[in-house]
Amino acid sequence: MKFVVIDDDPTGSQTVHDCLLLLKWDCSTLVKGFESKSNLFFILANTRSLSENDAKLTIKEICKNLKTTIASQAYEEEIIFISRGDSTLRGHNFLEPSTLNSCLGPFDATFHIPAFIEGKRLTVNGSHFVDKIPINQTIFARDKIFGFETSNIKNLLFQKSKSQINFEDIQNIFFVRYRNSK
């Protein structure tokens, strides 16, 4: 299995090691990623620095080159595509996974998992927090380009999708900790 992570900003790849970080996405460079020993490689798209339209064009170009590379090399292993975005919910956090789905999918599901545990950024019961403060009450929510007014992930995705997602199709997954009572 190979994991291909399309990263919207250079900070995400700083938390991993022993895998390639590709700064280009031409087919010959992508072949190096697929042939690397690691089951993971990052493509630094840096789309957070781009306008919505330019970000979409960049993701489409990456997807086109991924499809061409995969087809030309006849890879047989399963490939998982990941759109890695900001743990403070800035960026094109609806657009990029949606574009991946339309170019490389359709996929059965898209999971939005905003978290960066080391940075105390967690999603609990469907709401996102930074150091136990609801994300919409932090400086990140006032970002001039990617601002938002809610910490509720379901509401945020609906708003960021400009109502393209059916609100009822957005589900939170809750985990219950099981304790053996012996």
C-alpha atoms as a PDB file:
ATOM      1  CA  MET A   1       0.000   0.000   0.000  1.00  0.00           C
ATOM      2  CA  LYS A   2       1.249   3.490  -0.856  1.00  0.00           C
ATOM      3  CA  PHE A   3       0.033   6.702   0.775  1.00  0.00           C
ATOM      4  CA  VAL A   4       0.251   9.849  -1.350  1.00  0.00           C
ATOM      5  CA  VAL A   5      -0.141  13.002   0.736  1.00  0.00           C
ATOM      6  CA  ILE A   6      -0.848  16.243  -1.090  1.00  0.00           C
ATOM      7  CA  ASP A   7       0.188  18.923   1.377  1.00  0.00           C
ATOM      8  CA  ASP A   8      -1.176  22.462   1.305  1.00  0.00           C
ATOM      9  CA  ASP A   9       1.706  23.990   3.279  1.00  0.00           C
ATOM     10  CA  PRO A  10       5.311  23.087   4.171  1.00  0.00           C
ATOM     11  CA  THR A  11       4.599  22.747   7.904  1.00  0.00           C
ATOM     12  CA  GLY A  12       2.773  19.406   7.580  1.00  0.00           C
ATOM     13  CA  SER A  13       5.709  17.488   6.204  1.00  0.00           C
ATOM     14  CA  GLN A  14       7.908  18.656   9.085  1.00  0.00           C
ATOM     15  CA  THR A  15       6.294  16.169  11.463  1.00  0.00           C
ATOM     16  CA  VAL A  16       7.272  13.021   9.522  1.00  0.00           C
ATOM     17  CA  HIS A  17      10.541  11.363   8.566  1.00  0.00           C
ATOM     18  CA  ASP A  18      11.909   8.565   6.398  1.00  0.00           C
ATOM     19  CA  CYS A  19       9.754   9.489   3.413  1.00  0.00           C
ATOM     20  CA  LEU A  20      10.155  11.648   0.332  1.00  0.00           C
ATOM     21  CA  LEU A  21       8.944  15.221   0.126  1.00  0.00           C
ATOM     22  CA  LEU A  22       8.408  16.061  -3.535  1.00  0.00           C
ATOM     23  CA  LEU A  23       8.603  19.713  -4.460  1.00  0.00           C
ATOM     24  CA  LYS A  24       7.564  19.009  -8.061  1.00  0.00           C
ATOM     25  CA  TRP A  25       4.847  16.769  -9.441  1.00  0.00           C
ATOM     26  CA  ASP A  26       5.926  16.035 -12.987  1.00  0.00           C
ATOM     27  CA  CYS A  27       5.609  12.367 -13.924  1.00  0.00           C
ATOM     28  CA  SER A  28       9.317  11.500 -13.573  1.00  0.00           C
ATOM     29  CA  THR A  29       9.357  12.964 -10.056  1.00  0.00           C
ATOM     30  CA  LEU A  30       6.161  11.112  -9.111  1.00  0.00           C
ATOM     31  CA  VAL A  31       7.729   7.826 -10.258  1.00  0.00           C
ATOM     32  CA  LYS A  32      10.470   8.410  -7.659  1.00  0.00           C
ATOM     33  CA  GLY A  33       7.792   8.784  -5.010  1.00  0.00           C
ATOM     34  CA  PHE A  34       6.031   5.580  -5.988  1.00  0.00           C
ATOM     35  CA  GLU A  35       9.313   3.650  -6.202  1.00  0.00           C
ATOM     36  CA  SER A  36      10.650   4.880  -2.868  1.00  0.00           C
ATOM     37  CA  LYS A  37      11.066   2.328  -0.074  1.00  0.00           C
ATOM     38  CA  SER A  38       8.696   4.210   2.201  1.00  0.00           C
ATOM     39  CA  ASN A  39       4.982   3.479   1.897  1.00  0.00           C
ATOM     40  CA  LEU A  40       4.391   7.233   2.171  1.00  0.00           C
ATOM     41  CA  PHE A  41       5.410  10.296   0.207  1.00  0.00           C
ATOM     42  CA  PHE A  42       4.406  13.945   0.339  1.00  0.00           C
ATOM     43  CA  ILE A  43       3.767  16.296  -2.564  1.00  0.00           C
ATOM     44  CA  LEU A  44       4.174  19.896  -1.442  1.00  0.00           C
ATOM     45  CA  ALA A  45       1.451  21.672  -3.417  1.00  0.00           C
ATOM     46  CA  ASN A  46       1.637  24.800  -1.211  1.00  0.00           C
ATOM     47  CA  THR A  47      -1.940  25.614  -2.213  1.00  0.00           C
ATOM     48  CA  ARG A  48      -2.694  27.528   0.975  1.00  0.00           C
ATOM     49  CA  SER A  49      -0.636  30.360  -0.506  1.00  0.00           C
ATOM     50  CA  LEU A  50      -2.791  30.385  -3.652  1.00  0.00           C
ATOM     51  CA  SER A  51      -6.180  31.784  -4.594  1.00  0.00           C
ATOM     52  CA  GLU A  52      -9.086  29.345  -4.672  1.00  0.00           C
ATOM     53  CA  ASN A  53      -8.958  29.128  -8.474  1.00  0.00           C
ATOM     54  CA  ASP A  54      -5.168  28.622  -8.590  1.00  0.00           C
ATOM     55  CA  ALA A  55      -5.366  26.025  -5.815  1.00  0.00           C
ATOM     56  CA  LYS A  56      -7.979  24.084  -7.789  1.00  0.00           C
ATOM     57  CA  LEU A  57      -5.860  24.247 -10.963  1.00  0.00           C
ATOM     58  CA  THR A  58      -2.796  23.038  -9.043  1.00  0.00           C
ATOM     59  CA  ILE A  59      -4.663  20.082  -7.512  1.00  0.00           C
ATOM     60  CA  LYS A  60      -6.079  19.177 -10.939  1.00  0.00           C
ATOM     61  CA  GLU A  61      -2.574  19.241 -12.456  1.00  0.00           C
ATOM     62  CA  ILE A  62      -1.200  17.043  -9.662  1.00  0.00           C
ATOM     63  CA  CYS A  63      -4.100  14.591 -10.108  1.00  0.00           C
ATOM     64  CA  LYS A  64      -3.618  14.479 -13.885  1.00  0.00           C
ATOM     65  CA  ASN A  65       0.068  13.667 -13.429  1.00  0.00           C
ATOM     66  CA  LEU A  66      -0.703  11.083 -10.733  1.00  0.00           C
ATOM     67  CA  LYS A  67      -3.185   9.323 -13.042  1.00  0.00           C
ATOM     68  CA  THR A  68      -0.718   9.384 -15.935  1.00  0.00           C
ATOM     69  CA  THR A  69       2.106   8.064 -13.759  1.00  0.00           C
ATOM     70  CA  ILE A  70       0.002   5.326 -12.186  1.00  0.00           C
ATOM     71  CA  ALA A  71      -1.314   4.189 -15.578  1.00  0.00           C
ATOM     72  CA  SER A  72       2.072   4.283 -17.320  1.00  0.00           C
ATOM     73  CA  GLN A  73       3.844   2.335 -14.591  1.00  0.00           C
ATOM     74  CA  ALA A  74       0.991  -0.151 -14.043  1.00  0.00           C
ATOM     75  CA  TYR A  75       1.249   0.013 -10.249  1.00  0.00           C
ATOM     76  CA  GLU A  76      -0.668  -2.817  -8.660  1.00  0.00           C
ATOM     77  CA  GLU A  77      -0.470  -1.844  -5.011  1.00  0.00           C
ATOM     78  CA  GLU A  78      -3.367  -0.042  -3.355  1.00  0.00           C
ATOM     79  CA  ILE A  79      -2.953   3.731  -3.291  1.00  0.00           C
ATOM     80  CA  ILE A  80      -4.509   5.955  -0.640  1.00  0.00           C
ATOM     81  CA  PHE A  81      -4.716   9.680  -1.419  1.00  0.00           C
ATOM     82  CA  ILE A  82      -4.620  12.163   1.437  1.00  0.00           C
ATOM     83  CA  SER A  83      -5.222  15.889   1.274  1.00  0.00           C
ATOM     84  CA  ARG A  84      -3.345  17.302   4.257  1.00  0.00           C
ATOM     85  CA  GLY A  85      -4.567  20.703   5.360  1.00  0.00           C
ATOM     86  CA  ASP A  86      -4.152  23.042   8.279  1.00  0.00           C
ATOM     87  CA  SER A  87      -4.983  21.865  11.800  1.00  0.00           C
ATOM     88  CA  THR A  88      -6.346  25.334  12.556  1.00  0.00           C
ATOM     89  CA  LEU A  89      -8.809  24.987   9.669  1.00  0.00           C
ATOM     90  CA  ARG A  90      -7.278  27.626   7.421  1.00  0.00           C
ATOM     91  CA  GLY A  91      -6.854  26.832   3.761  1.00  0.00           C
ATOM     92  CA  HIS A  92      -8.997  25.366   1.035  1.00  0.00           C
ATOM     93  CA  ASN A  93     -10.249  22.600   3.348  1.00  0.00           C
ATOM     94  CA  PHE A  94     -13.322  21.751   1.284  1.00  0.00           C
ATOM     95  CA  LEU A  95     -12.036  22.530  -2.211  1.00  0.00           C
ATOM     96  CA  GLU A  96      -8.954  20.317  -2.161  1.00  0.00           C
ATOM     97  CA  PRO A  97     -10.552  17.027  -1.036  1.00  0.00           C
ATOM     98  CA  SER A  98     -13.493  17.724  -3.354  1.00  0.00           C
ATOM     99  CA  THR A  99     -11.154  18.256  -6.312  1.00  0.00           C
ATOM    100  CA  LEU A 100      -9.216  15.075  -5.460  1.00  0.00           C
ATOM    101  CA  ASN A 101     -12.496  13.165  -5.384  1.00  0.00           C
ATOM    102  CA  SER A 102     -13.626  14.518  -8.743  1.00  0.00           C
ATOM    103  CA  CYS A 103     -10.249  13.893 -10.408  1.00  0.00           C
ATOM    104  CA  LEU A 104      -9.159  10.596  -8.820  1.00  0.00           C
ATOM    105  CA  GLY A 105     -12.397   9.198  -7.397  1.00  0.00           C
ATOM    106  CA  PRO A 106     -15.149   8.807  -6.829  1.00  0.00           C
ATOM    107  CA  PHE A 107     -14.271   7.725  -3.320  1.00  0.00           C
ATOM    108  CA  ASP A 108     -16.675   6.086  -0.902  1.00  0.00           C
ATOM    109  CA  ALA A 109     -16.066   8.718   1.760  1.00  0.00           C
ATOM    110  CA  THR A 110     -14.001  11.739   2.615  1.00  0.00           C
ATOM    111  CA  PHE A 111     -12.739  12.095   6.164  1.00  0.00           C
ATOM    112  CA  HIS A 112     -11.887  15.508   7.571  1.00  0.00           C
ATOM    113  CA  ILE A 113      -9.736  14.935  10.630  1.00  0.00           C
ATOM    114  CA  PRO A 114      -8.514  18.256  11.995  1.00  0.00           C
ATOM    115  CA  ALA A 115      -5.960  17.458  14.653  1.00  0.00           C
ATOM    116  CA  PHE A 116      -2.385  18.140  15.652  1.00  0.00           C
ATOM    117  CA  ILE A 117      -2.026  16.528  19.050  1.00  0.00           C
ATOM    118  CA  GLU A 118       1.468  17.882  19.740  1.00  0.00           C
ATOM    119  CA  GLY A 119       0.128  21.407  19.129  1.00  0.00           C
ATOM    120  CA  LYS A 120      -2.906  20.782  21.368  1.00  0.00           C
ATOM    121  CA  ARG A 121      -5.276  21.027  18.391  1.00  0.00           C
ATOM    122  CA  LEU A 122      -8.026  18.464  18.813  1.00  0.00           C
ATOM    123  CA  THR A 123     -11.524  17.738  17.597  1.00  0.00           C
ATOM    124  CA  VAL A 124     -13.818  16.570  20.383  1.00  0.00           C
ATOM    125  CA  ASN A 125     -17.477  15.644  19.824  1.00  0.00           C
ATOM    126  CA  GLY A 126     -17.493  17.408  16.460  1.00  0.00           C
ATOM    127  CA  SER A 127     -15.924  20.684  17.618  1.00  0.00           C
ATOM    128  CA  HIS A 128     -12.328  21.780  17.088  1.00  0.00           C
ATOM    129  CA  PHE A 129     -10.179  23.244  19.869  1.00  0.00           C
ATOM    130  CA  VAL A 130      -6.738  24.808  20.220  1.00  0.00           C
ATOM    131  CA  ASP A 131      -5.392  24.323  23.734  1.00  0.00           C
ATOM    132  CA  LYS A 132      -8.984  23.724  24.964  1.00  0.00           C
ATOM    133  CA  ILE A 133     -10.253  26.971  23.385  1.00  0.00           C
ATOM    134  CA  PRO A 134     -12.905  26.647  20.637  1.00  0.00           C
ATOM    135  CA  ILE A 135     -11.099  27.369  17.369  1.00  0.00           C
ATOM    136  CA  ASN A 136     -13.545  30.135  16.418  1.00  0.00           C
ATOM    137  CA  GLN A 137     -12.394  32.082  19.498  1.00  0.00           C
ATOM    138  CA  THR A 138      -8.731  32.067  18.462  1.00  0.00           C
ATOM    139  CA  ILE A 139      -6.678  34.285  16.191  1.00  0.00           C
ATOM    140  CA  PHE A 140      -6.858  31.571  13.488  1.00  0.00           C
ATOM    141  CA  ALA A 141     -10.604  32.177  13.006  1.00  0.00           C
ATOM    142  CA  ARG A 142      -9.889  35.828  12.169  1.00  0.00           C
ATOM    143  CA  ASP A 143      -7.546  34.935   9.296  1.00  0.00           C
ATOM    144  CA  LYS A 144      -8.191  37.576   6.601  1.00  0.00           C
ATOM    145  CA  ILE A 145      -8.408  34.993   3.823  1.00  0.00           C
ATOM    146  CA  PHE A 146      -9.576  31.802   5.522  1.00  0.00           C
ATOM    147  CA  GLY A 147     -11.584  33.111   8.481  1.00  0.00           C
ATOM    148  CA  PHE A 148     -14.580  31.315   9.985  1.00  0.00           C
ATOM    149  CA  GLU A 149     -17.159  31.737  12.739  1.00  0.00           C
ATOM    150  CA  THR A 150     -17.704  28.249  14.156  1.00  0.00           C
ATOM    151  CA  SER A 151     -15.754  25.491  15.841  1.00  0.00           C
ATOM    152  CA  ASN A 152     -18.341  22.898  14.779  1.00  0.00           C
ATOM    153  CA  ILE A 153     -16.741  20.895  11.966  1.00  0.00           C
ATOM    154  CA  LYS A 154     -20.060  19.912  10.395  1.00  0.00           C
ATOM    155  CA  ASN A 155     -21.194  23.553  10.182  1.00  0.00           C
ATOM    156  CA  LEU A 156     -17.766  24.673   8.989  1.00  0.00           C
ATOM    157  CA  LEU A 157     -17.631  22.140   6.143  1.00  0.00           C
ATOM    158  CA  PHE A 158     -21.148  23.049   5.078  1.00  0.00           C
ATOM    159  CA  GLN A 159     -20.243  26.761   5.020  1.00  0.00           C
ATOM    160  CA  LYS A 160     -16.883  26.233   3.288  1.00  0.00           C
ATOM    161  CA  SER A 161     -18.558  24.045   0.648  1.00  0.00           C
ATOM    162  CA  LYS A 162     -20.912  26.951  -0.151  1.00  0.00           C
ATOM    163  CA  SER A 163     -23.769  24.492   0.433  1.00  0.00           C
ATOM    164  CA  GLN A 164     -22.407  22.014  -2.157  1.00  0.00           C
ATOM    165  CA  ILE A 165     -22.509  19.275   0.481  1.00  0.00           C
ATOM    166  CA  ASN A 166     -25.881  18.159   1.771  1.00  0.00           C
ATOM    167  CA  PHE A 167     -25.746  19.083   5.469  1.00  0.00           C
ATOM    168  CA  GLU A 168     -27.290  15.737   6.430  1.00  0.00           C
ATOM    169  CA  ASP A 169     -24.509  13.885   4.564  1.00  0.00           C
ATOM    170  CA  ILE A 170     -21.877  15.289   6.937  1.00  0.00           C
ATOM    171  CA  GLN A 171     -21.465  12.953   9.885  1.00  0.00           C
ATOM    172  CA  ASN A 172     -19.375  13.106  13.024  1.00  0.00           C
ATOM    173  CA  ILE A 173     -17.705   9.929  14.166  1.00  0.00           C
ATOM    174  CA  PHE A 174     -17.651   9.527  17.910  1.00  0.00           C
ATOM    175  CA  PHE A 175     -15.312   7.205  19.732  1.00  0.00           C
ATOM    176  CA  VAL A 176     -16.255   5.684  23.015  1.00  0.00           C
ATOM    177  CA  ARG A 177     -13.474   4.500  25.268  1.00  0.00           C
ATOM    178  CA  TYR A 178     -14.143   0.970  26.465  1.00  0.00           C
ATOM    179  CA  ARG A 179     -12.858  -0.061  29.858  1.00  0.00           C
ATOM    180  CA  ASN A 180     -12.752  -3.663  30.853  1.00  0.00           C
ATOM    181  CA  SER A 181     -14.472  -3.881  34.245  1.00  0.00           C
ATOM    182  CA  LYS A 182     -12.685  -6.951  35.616  1.00  0.00           C
END
